[in-house]
Amino acid sequence: MGTEGKVGVVFVSHSAKIAEGLVELAAQMAGSATLVAAGGTDEGGIGTSFDKVSAGVTEADSGHGVAVLCDLGSAILTAETALDFLDDEVRERVRIVDAPLVEGGVAAAVAAESGADLDGVVAAAESARGTGGTETDARAGDIVAVPVFEAVAPASGALSRSVTIINKDGLHARPAAEFVKLATGYPVKVTVNGRDAKSLLGIMSLGLTKGATVEIATDDPDGAEAVNALADLVETGFGEE
């Protein structure tokens, strides 16, 4: 049974170690979300398992939906077969997501941690495919194109606040996830140097290092609280030493 009130995420990989490693990685940023590894064959070899995927979906499901991310094409086939054997009611709230396993899985986990619904979790994962184009439009086999995020300039008259990154390691994955989780709690749209403050991958793609100045902005008249809360989080170093 998954975490009550939250979407669960299942990682399906041909390697048990990869699936387990992804759960370990994502859990650093989404500690209360239900993240399940479904990797390898039943015998522990390289491949996928119908039983592991089925059990993973059951474990991750709290009634609010499950996002399933896969590595290679045959993993998708295994996941699709497992879904075919679910009860109709359960199947309706399970989605196989077309997204890179690592980047998409981490983004999905953070969205689930933030309380996003299934559509929101799926959209977060799919953002790993890129917005506004990619460095290459080609997709060879299962190699995923690197996303290129388009910056959007704040509207004229936008409320903004400039702050400096003080973290020794810059805005790395954990603080970026904390930032996104806080931003997601506000209904207004906020940007960070022109990127959507609710997009983990968009923010991380900025490559913000210690000493970098960021502009947190909104053109929503009700956005002052969100801007100030996010700016305060950056100024305090996200609780890191």
Protein backbone atom coordinates (compact mmCIF):
# COMPACT_ATOMS: atom_id res chain seq x y z
CA MET A 1 0.00 0.00 0.00
CA GLY A 2 1.46 3.33 -1.07
CA THR A 3 1.72 6.52 0.97
CA GLU A 4 -1.78 7.78 1.66
CA GLY A 5 -2.74 10.75 -0.47
CA LYS A 6 0.24 10.51 -2.81
CA VAL A 7 0.94 9.06 -6.21
CA GLY A 8 3.36 6.14 -6.21
CA VAL A 9 6.29 5.70 -8.61
CA VAL A 10 7.59 2.36 -9.91
CA PHE A 11 10.99 2.00 -11.60
CA VAL A 12 11.15 -0.88 -14.08
CA SER A 13 14.66 -1.76 -15.25
CA HIS A 14 16.40 -4.77 -16.73
CA SER A 15 18.84 -4.47 -13.83
CA ALA A 16 17.73 -4.85 -10.22
CA LYS A 17 20.70 -2.71 -9.14
CA ILE A 18 19.68 0.12 -11.45
CA ALA A 19 16.09 0.11 -10.20
CA GLU A 20 17.21 -0.03 -6.56
CA GLY A 21 19.76 2.71 -7.15
CA LEU A 22 17.14 4.98 -8.67
CA VAL A 23 14.88 4.48 -5.66
CA GLU A 24 17.81 5.34 -3.40
CA LEU A 25 18.59 8.46 -5.44
CA ALA A 26 15.01 9.71 -5.70
CA ALA A 27 14.37 9.03 -2.03
CA GLN A 28 17.00 11.64 -1.14
CA MET A 29 14.63 14.24 -2.58
CA ALA A 30 11.27 12.58 -1.99
CA GLY A 31 11.53 10.85 1.34
CA SER A 32 7.84 10.31 2.03
CA ALA A 33 6.72 9.28 -1.46
CA THR A 34 6.31 5.58 -2.24
CA LEU A 35 9.10 4.62 -4.64
CA VAL A 36 9.32 0.99 -5.71
CA ALA A 37 12.09 -0.86 -7.55
CA ALA A 38 10.96 -3.54 -10.01
CA GLY A 39 14.19 -4.55 -11.70
CA GLY A 40 15.66 -7.75 -13.01
CA THR A 41 14.17 -11.19 -13.46
CA ASP A 42 12.63 -13.36 -10.77
CA GLU A 43 15.95 -15.24 -10.57
CA GLY A 44 17.95 -12.02 -10.13
CA GLY A 45 19.28 -11.90 -13.68
CA ILE A 46 19.17 -9.21 -16.34
CA GLY A 47 15.67 -8.81 -17.72
CA THR A 48 12.22 -7.90 -16.49
CA SER A 49 9.60 -9.70 -14.47
CA PHE A 50 5.83 -9.64 -14.83
CA ASP A 51 5.48 -10.61 -11.17
CA LYS A 52 7.86 -7.88 -9.95
CA VAL A 53 6.09 -5.19 -11.92
CA SER A 54 2.66 -6.37 -10.76
CA ALA A 55 3.81 -6.47 -7.14
CA GLY A 56 5.46 -3.07 -7.52
CA VAL A 57 2.27 -1.44 -8.76
CA THR A 58 0.31 -2.98 -5.90
CA GLU A 59 2.87 -1.77 -3.37
CA ALA A 60 2.94 1.77 -4.78
CA ASP A 61 -0.83 2.20 -5.12
CA SER A 62 -2.59 4.17 -2.40
CA GLY A 63 -5.63 4.81 -4.56
CA HIS A 64 -4.26 8.07 -5.98
CA GLY A 65 -2.42 6.62 -8.95
CA VAL A 66 0.88 5.06 -9.94
CA ALA A 67 3.42 6.28 -12.48
CA VAL A 68 5.54 3.53 -14.03
CA LEU A 69 8.87 4.40 -15.67
CA CYS A 70 10.82 1.90 -17.77
CA ASP A 71 14.31 1.71 -19.22
CA LEU A 72 14.23 -0.32 -22.45
CA GLY A 73 11.48 -1.23 -24.87
CA SER A 74 10.93 -4.74 -23.57
CA ALA A 75 10.46 -3.33 -20.05
CA ILE A 76 7.54 -1.34 -21.42
CA LEU A 77 6.06 -4.53 -22.89
CA THR A 78 6.36 -6.27 -19.52
CA ALA A 79 4.72 -3.32 -17.79
CA GLU A 80 1.90 -3.21 -20.33
CA THR A 81 1.28 -6.94 -19.85
CA ALA A 82 1.19 -6.50 -16.07
CA LEU A 83 -1.34 -3.68 -16.42
CA ASP A 84 -3.57 -5.88 -18.57
CA PHE A 85 -4.00 -8.24 -15.63
CA LEU A 86 -4.96 -5.54 -13.12
CA ASP A 87 -8.54 -4.96 -12.07
CA ASP A 88 -10.19 -2.32 -14.25
CA GLU A 89 -10.47 0.14 -11.36
CA VAL A 90 -6.76 -0.12 -10.56
CA ARG A 91 -5.66 -0.07 -14.21
CA GLU A 92 -7.41 3.26 -14.73
CA ARG A 93 -5.10 4.95 -12.24
CA VAL A 94 -1.81 3.48 -13.48
CA ARG A 95 0.18 5.21 -16.22
CA ILE A 96 3.27 4.04 -18.07
CA VAL A 97 5.25 7.22 -18.63
CA ASP A 98 7.25 7.96 -21.77
CA ALA A 99 10.22 9.65 -20.11
CA PRO A 100 13.93 9.07 -19.40
CA LEU A 101 14.22 6.68 -16.48
CA VAL A 102 16.66 8.70 -14.36
CA GLU A 103 15.71 12.32 -14.98
CA GLY A 104 12.04 11.54 -15.44
CA GLY A 105 11.95 9.28 -12.41
CA VAL A 106 13.51 11.87 -10.12
CA ALA A 107 11.16 14.58 -11.39
CA ALA A 108 8.17 12.27 -10.91
CA ALA A 109 9.27 11.41 -7.37
CA VAL A 110 9.61 15.07 -6.39
CA ALA A 111 6.19 15.86 -7.88
CA ALA A 112 4.66 12.94 -5.99
CA GLU A 113 6.35 14.11 -2.79
CA SER A 114 4.84 17.56 -3.33
CA GLY A 115 1.34 16.09 -3.49
CA ALA A 116 0.78 16.45 -7.23
CA ASP A 117 -1.98 14.34 -8.75
CA LEU A 118 -1.27 11.63 -11.32
CA ASP A 119 -1.44 14.03 -14.26
CA GLY A 120 0.99 16.35 -12.49
CA VAL A 121 3.43 13.55 -11.73
CA VAL A 122 3.30 12.31 -15.31
CA ALA A 123 3.81 15.85 -16.64
CA ALA A 124 6.83 16.32 -14.36
CA ALA A 125 8.38 13.10 -15.64
CA GLU A 126 7.66 13.97 -19.25
CA SER A 127 9.36 17.35 -18.80
CA ALA A 128 12.61 15.37 -18.88
CA ARG A 129 12.02 14.92 -22.60
CA GLY A 130 12.64 18.65 -22.92
CA THR A 131 10.61 21.78 -23.44
CA GLY A 132 11.23 24.19 -26.23
CA GLY A 133 13.32 21.72 -28.20
CA THR A 134 16.30 19.45 -27.61
CA GLU A 135 19.96 19.50 -28.44
CA THR A 136 19.13 16.87 -31.00
CA ASP A 137 15.79 15.90 -32.47
CA ALA A 138 17.02 12.40 -33.08
CA ARG A 139 16.23 9.49 -30.82
CA ALA A 140 18.30 6.42 -31.46
CA GLY A 141 16.95 3.33 -29.78
CA ASP A 142 16.58 4.15 -26.09
CA ILE A 143 19.05 7.03 -26.00
CA VAL A 144 17.18 10.10 -24.78
CA ALA A 145 17.82 13.52 -26.25
CA VAL A 146 19.14 16.08 -23.75
CA PRO A 147 16.47 18.66 -22.89
CA VAL A 148 16.98 22.33 -23.62
CA PHE A 149 14.77 24.55 -21.46
CA GLU A 150 13.67 27.88 -22.88
CA ALA A 151 13.91 30.84 -20.50
CA VAL A 152 10.88 33.09 -20.36
CA ALA A 153 11.51 36.71 -19.42
CA PRO A 154 9.39 38.02 -16.54
CA ALA A 155 6.49 40.18 -17.65
CA SER A 156 6.82 43.93 -17.42
CA GLY A 157 5.96 45.10 -13.92
CA ALA A 158 6.54 41.65 -12.44
CA LEU A 159 7.24 41.36 -8.74
CA SER A 160 10.77 40.03 -8.29
CA ARG A 161 13.48 39.52 -5.73
CA SER A 162 17.16 38.82 -6.39
CA VAL A 163 19.06 36.50 -4.06
CA THR A 164 22.48 34.82 -4.06
CA ILE A 165 23.19 31.09 -3.86
CA ILE A 166 25.29 30.52 -0.73
CA ASN A 167 25.41 26.71 -0.75
CA LYS A 168 28.92 25.32 -1.12
CA ASP A 169 27.81 22.91 -3.84
CA GLY A 170 25.39 25.31 -5.48
CA LEU A 171 21.79 24.47 -6.28
CA HIS A 172 22.29 20.72 -6.55
CA ALA A 173 19.57 18.09 -6.55
CA ARG A 174 18.46 18.11 -2.92
CA PRO A 175 18.03 21.89 -2.48
CA ALA A 176 16.53 22.14 -5.95
CA ALA A 177 13.94 19.56 -4.92
CA GLU A 178 13.21 21.50 -1.72
CA PHE A 179 12.74 24.64 -3.82
CA VAL A 180 10.34 22.91 -6.21
CA LYS A 181 8.32 21.35 -3.38
CA LEU A 182 7.86 24.77 -1.79
CA ALA A 183 6.96 26.39 -5.11
CA THR A 184 4.41 23.68 -5.83
CA GLY A 185 2.59 24.60 -2.63
CA TYR A 186 1.58 27.95 -4.12
CA PRO A 187 -1.08 28.26 -6.84
CA VAL A 188 0.71 31.15 -8.57
CA LYS A 189 3.30 30.91 -11.32
CA VAL A 190 6.82 31.86 -10.24
CA THR A 191 9.99 31.84 -12.31
CA VAL A 192 13.67 31.48 -11.42
CA ASN A 193 15.85 33.28 -13.94
CA GLY A 194 12.97 32.80 -16.33
CA ARG A 195 12.48 29.07 -15.66
CA ASP A 196 9.37 27.60 -14.10
CA ALA A 197 9.97 27.35 -10.34
CA LYS A 198 7.91 24.14 -10.26
CA SER A 199 10.12 22.33 -12.78
CA LEU A 200 12.94 20.43 -11.07
CA LEU A 201 14.74 19.72 -14.33
CA GLY A 202 14.30 23.27 -15.56
CA ILE A 203 15.88 24.70 -12.43
CA MET A 204 18.71 22.18 -12.30
CA SER A 205 19.51 22.90 -15.93
CA LEU A 206 20.42 26.46 -14.89
CA GLY A 207 23.62 25.09 -13.33
CA LEU A 208 23.51 27.56 -10.43
CA THR A 209 26.75 27.51 -8.43
CA LYS A 210 27.76 29.21 -5.19
CA GLY A 211 27.72 32.97 -5.63
CA ALA A 212 25.26 32.92 -8.53
CA THR A 213 22.50 35.51 -8.43
CA VAL A 214 18.99 34.35 -9.14
CA GLU A 215 15.88 36.39 -9.83
CA ILE A 216 12.69 34.94 -8.41
CA ALA A 217 9.73 36.62 -10.07
CA THR A 218 6.01 36.49 -10.70
CA ASP A 219 3.54 38.60 -12.62
CA ASP A 220 0.66 37.34 -10.48
CA PRO A 221 -0.68 40.07 -8.17
CA ASP A 222 -1.10 37.42 -5.46
CA GLY A 223 2.41 36.07 -5.86
CA ALA A 224 4.31 38.15 -3.28
CA GLU A 225 4.09 35.48 -0.57
CA ALA A 226 5.45 32.80 -2.90
CA VAL A 227 8.31 34.96 -4.15
CA ASN A 228 9.35 35.94 -0.62
CA ALA A 229 9.12 32.38 0.71
CA LEU A 230 11.26 31.02 -2.12
CA ALA A 231 13.77 33.84 -1.83
CA ASP A 232 14.03 33.28 1.92
CA LEU A 233 14.68 29.58 1.33
CA VAL A 234 17.59 30.41 -0.98
CA GLU A 235 19.01 33.03 1.38
CA THR A 236 19.03 30.59 4.30
CA GLY A 237 20.96 28.01 2.27
CA PHE A 238 18.18 25.41 2.33
CA GLY A 239 19.20 24.38 5.83
CA GLU A 240 22.62 23.13 4.68
CA GLU A 241 25.77 23.95 6.58
